[in-house]
Amino acid sequence: MDDLKDIVSRNIIYLRTNNKMTQLELGEALNYSDKAVSKWERAEAIPDAYVLKKLSILFGVSVDYLLTKHDEDELKAAKTGSPQRFDRRIISLISFLGTWTLAVVIFTIIWFFGSVQWLVFVYALPISLILMIVFTAIWSKRKTNIFFISLLVWSVLAAIYLTFIDRNWWLLFTIGIPAQIIILLSFKVKIMPKK
């Protein structure tokens, strides 16, 4: 059993350092404390099956890879998480650009029928921000979402205001102030890491 602890420890250390992550960043990605990661890396404990699976997804390796001893050449030749991170950025970018492409298509179709509806682009902003919030929540650190959520609130308020601009609903933006405070406070709440 000690051999397995050493093997898993060595593999986690290699994958974490190869991906330029700190123990704290790895712990946050797994929803564990940096102390738990430190225990795994000191070979005092082995992550459970659920964590091994999350590690394999995070670093783009198999669970078997995490449980198998590798010599230095195998470690260096291993395909690790960087391509997966690159793919995540590409997927996010494609989705973001897809939303704006769809907005351009809708604008063009409406324009062909003799109407200019520039509000299509105003509505595309909150939709693309929702996509960014989803991808950031899945693939990135929790705290990076504060920016996108704040932009989403203000862009929705702006879209409503611009839709009904003839009614001069400028007071609508006062809703954004308490909403922004709620957003900031909600990101101050700490999630208790698993032991």
Protein backbone atom coordinates (compact mmCIF):
# COMPACT_ATOMS: atom_id res chain seq x y z
CA MET A 1 0.00 0.00 0.00
CA ASP A 2 2.89 2.37 0.74
CA ASP A 3 4.21 1.78 -2.76
CA LEU A 4 0.89 2.84 -4.23
CA LYS A 5 0.89 5.98 -2.07
CA ASP A 6 4.37 6.83 -3.34
CA ILE A 7 3.39 6.23 -6.97
CA VAL A 8 0.24 8.36 -6.76
CA SER A 9 2.16 11.04 -4.86
CA ARG A 10 4.89 11.23 -7.48
CA ASN A 11 2.39 11.38 -10.34
CA ILE A 12 0.31 14.12 -8.71
CA ILE A 13 3.41 16.20 -7.99
CA TYR A 14 4.61 15.81 -11.57
CA LEU A 15 1.25 16.65 -13.14
CA ARG A 16 0.62 19.60 -10.83
CA THR A 17 4.05 21.16 -11.34
CA ASN A 18 4.03 20.43 -15.06
CA ASN A 19 0.76 22.38 -15.30
CA LYS A 20 2.23 25.22 -13.20
CA MET A 21 -0.35 24.85 -10.44
CA THR A 22 0.13 25.41 -6.74
CA GLN A 23 -1.27 23.02 -4.18
CA LEU A 24 -3.89 25.64 -3.35
CA GLU A 25 -4.96 25.96 -7.00
CA LEU A 26 -5.21 22.19 -7.37
CA GLY A 27 -7.20 21.98 -4.14
CA GLU A 28 -9.61 24.66 -5.38
CA ALA A 29 -10.02 22.88 -8.71
CA LEU A 30 -10.94 19.68 -6.86
CA ASN A 31 -12.92 21.44 -4.10
CA TYR A 32 -10.44 20.19 -1.49
CA SER A 33 -8.04 22.03 0.79
CA ASP A 34 -4.39 22.52 -0.03
CA LYS A 35 -3.68 20.47 3.12
CA ALA A 36 -5.37 17.45 1.52
CA VAL A 37 -3.27 17.91 -1.63
CA SER A 38 -0.17 18.20 0.54
CA LYS A 39 -1.05 14.90 2.27
CA TRP A 40 -1.40 13.18 -1.09
CA GLU A 41 1.91 14.58 -2.28
CA ARG A 42 3.70 13.53 0.93
CA ALA A 43 2.30 10.00 0.39
CA GLU A 44 0.40 10.12 3.70
CA ALA A 45 -2.91 9.38 1.97
CA ILE A 46 -4.35 8.37 -1.39
CA PRO A 47 -7.21 10.32 -2.96
CA ASP A 48 -10.45 8.37 -3.23
CA ALA A 49 -11.77 7.11 -6.56
CA TYR A 50 -13.88 10.22 -7.15
CA VAL A 51 -10.87 12.52 -6.73
CA LEU A 52 -8.68 10.28 -8.89
CA LYS A 53 -11.28 10.57 -11.65
CA LYS A 54 -11.40 14.37 -11.27
CA LEU A 55 -7.58 14.50 -11.37
CA SER A 56 -7.53 12.41 -14.53
CA ILE A 57 -10.02 14.75 -16.22
CA LEU A 58 -8.21 17.87 -15.00
CA PHE A 59 -4.81 16.72 -16.24
CA GLY A 60 -6.00 14.85 -19.33
CA VAL A 61 -4.65 11.45 -18.27
CA SER A 62 -6.29 8.16 -17.33
CA VAL A 63 -6.89 7.02 -13.75
CA ASP A 64 -4.62 4.11 -14.60
CA TYR A 65 -1.85 6.62 -15.39
CA LEU A 66 -2.20 8.10 -11.89
CA LEU A 67 -1.92 4.63 -10.30
CA THR A 68 1.01 3.39 -12.39
CA LYS A 69 4.71 3.92 -11.75
CA HIS A 70 6.51 5.79 -14.55
CA ASP A 71 10.19 6.41 -15.16
CA GLU A 72 11.41 9.93 -16.00
CA ASP A 73 11.19 9.41 -19.77
CA GLU A 74 7.58 8.22 -19.55
CA LEU A 75 6.64 11.19 -17.38
CA LYS A 76 8.14 13.65 -19.84
CA ALA A 77 6.53 11.90 -22.81
CA ALA A 78 3.11 11.80 -21.15
CA LYS A 79 0.43 13.94 -22.67
CA THR A 80 -0.81 16.10 -19.81
CA GLY A 81 -3.49 18.70 -19.24
CA SER A 82 -2.26 21.60 -21.33
CA PRO A 83 -4.00 20.53 -24.57
CA GLN A 84 -7.24 20.13 -22.62
CA ARG A 85 -6.92 23.67 -21.27
CA PHE A 86 -6.29 24.91 -24.81
CA ASP A 87 -9.39 23.05 -26.03
CA ARG A 88 -11.44 24.69 -23.29
CA ARG A 89 -10.42 28.16 -24.46
CA ILE A 90 -11.20 27.23 -28.07
CA ILE A 91 -14.64 25.85 -27.10
CA SER A 92 -15.40 29.02 -25.13
CA LEU A 93 -14.25 31.23 -28.01
CA ILE A 94 -16.26 29.27 -30.59
CA SER A 95 -19.40 29.55 -28.44
CA PHE A 96 -18.85 33.27 -27.86
CA LEU A 97 -18.24 33.95 -31.57
CA GLY A 98 -21.16 31.67 -32.50
CA THR A 99 -23.51 33.85 -30.48
CA TRP A 100 -22.31 37.00 -32.24
CA THR A 101 -22.41 35.30 -35.65
CA LEU A 102 -26.01 34.32 -34.99
CA ALA A 103 -26.75 37.94 -34.02
CA VAL A 104 -25.25 39.15 -37.32
CA VAL A 105 -27.31 36.57 -39.26
CA ILE A 106 -30.53 37.60 -37.49
CA PHE A 107 -29.73 41.30 -38.02
CA THR A 108 -29.05 40.69 -41.72
CA ILE A 109 -32.27 38.70 -42.24
CA ILE A 110 -34.33 41.40 -40.53
CA TRP A 111 -32.51 44.06 -42.57
CA PHE A 112 -33.42 42.25 -45.81
CA PHE A 113 -37.07 42.62 -44.82
CA GLY A 114 -36.64 46.38 -44.54
CA SER A 115 -36.12 46.91 -40.83
CA VAL A 116 -32.96 47.80 -38.93
CA GLN A 117 -33.00 46.15 -35.50
CA TRP A 118 -29.67 46.98 -33.87
CA LEU A 119 -31.08 45.72 -30.55
CA VAL A 120 -30.19 42.21 -31.77
CA PHE A 121 -26.59 43.01 -30.81
CA VAL A 122 -27.67 44.36 -27.43
CA TYR A 123 -29.41 41.04 -26.69
CA ALA A 124 -26.40 39.06 -27.94
CA LEU A 125 -24.24 40.48 -25.14
CA PRO A 126 -26.17 38.93 -22.20
CA ILE A 127 -26.48 35.64 -24.08
CA SER A 128 -22.74 35.46 -24.72
CA LEU A 129 -22.06 36.42 -21.08
CA ILE A 130 -24.30 33.57 -19.89
CA LEU A 131 -22.19 31.19 -21.98
CA MET A 132 -18.99 32.60 -20.47
CA ILE A 133 -20.41 32.21 -16.96
CA VAL A 134 -21.26 28.57 -17.61
CA PHE A 135 -17.83 27.76 -19.08
CA THR A 136 -16.00 29.67 -16.36
CA ALA A 137 -18.01 27.88 -13.66
CA ILE A 138 -17.17 24.51 -15.16
CA TRP A 139 -13.54 25.01 -16.14
CA SER A 140 -12.06 27.87 -14.20
CA LYS A 141 -11.72 29.34 -10.76
CA ARG A 142 -14.91 30.38 -9.03
CA LYS A 143 -13.74 33.95 -8.42
CA THR A 144 -13.27 34.73 -12.11
CA ASN A 145 -17.05 34.52 -12.58
CA ILE A 146 -17.66 37.69 -10.54
CA PHE A 147 -16.64 39.78 -13.55
CA PHE A 148 -18.97 37.99 -15.99
CA ILE A 149 -21.94 37.96 -13.58
CA SER A 150 -21.55 41.69 -12.93
CA LEU A 151 -21.43 42.37 -16.67
CA LEU A 152 -24.48 40.16 -17.17
CA VAL A 153 -26.57 42.12 -14.65
CA TRP A 154 -25.64 45.47 -16.14
CA SER A 155 -26.07 44.27 -19.75
CA VAL A 156 -29.56 42.90 -19.00
CA LEU A 157 -30.52 46.23 -17.41
CA ALA A 158 -29.09 48.08 -20.41
CA ALA A 159 -30.97 45.79 -22.83
CA ILE A 160 -34.26 46.43 -21.03
CA TYR A 161 -33.60 50.18 -20.93
CA LEU A 162 -32.69 50.35 -24.62
CA THR A 163 -35.71 48.24 -25.58
CA PHE A 164 -38.03 50.71 -23.86
CA ILE A 165 -35.92 53.84 -24.40
CA ASP A 166 -38.97 55.90 -25.36
CA ARG A 167 -40.33 55.41 -21.82
CA ASN A 168 -37.11 56.76 -20.23
CA TRP A 169 -36.77 54.08 -17.56
CA TRP A 170 -33.37 55.31 -16.36
CA LEU A 171 -34.32 54.46 -12.76
CA LEU A 172 -34.06 50.84 -13.84
CA PHE A 173 -30.28 51.11 -13.35
CA THR A 174 -30.76 51.63 -9.61
CA ILE A 175 -31.62 47.93 -9.45
CA GLY A 176 -28.04 47.26 -10.49
CA ILE A 177 -26.58 48.78 -7.32
CA PRO A 178 -28.05 46.31 -4.80
CA ALA A 179 -27.59 43.52 -7.35
CA GLN A 180 -23.88 44.37 -7.60
CA ILE A 181 -23.58 44.39 -3.79
CA ILE A 182 -25.27 40.98 -3.61
CA ILE A 183 -22.88 39.63 -6.26
CA LEU A 184 -19.83 40.92 -4.38
CA LEU A 185 -21.06 39.54 -1.05
CA SER A 186 -21.95 36.15 -2.54
CA PHE A 187 -18.38 35.74 -3.75
CA LYS A 188 -17.10 36.47 -0.25
CA VAL A 189 -18.88 33.35 1.05
CA LYS A 190 -16.29 30.61 1.42
CA ILE A 191 -17.02 27.06 0.36
CA MET A 192 -15.88 24.63 3.02
CA PRO A 193 -13.30 22.28 1.50
CA LYS A 194 -13.70 18.55 1.90
CA LYS A 195 -11.38 16.92 4.38
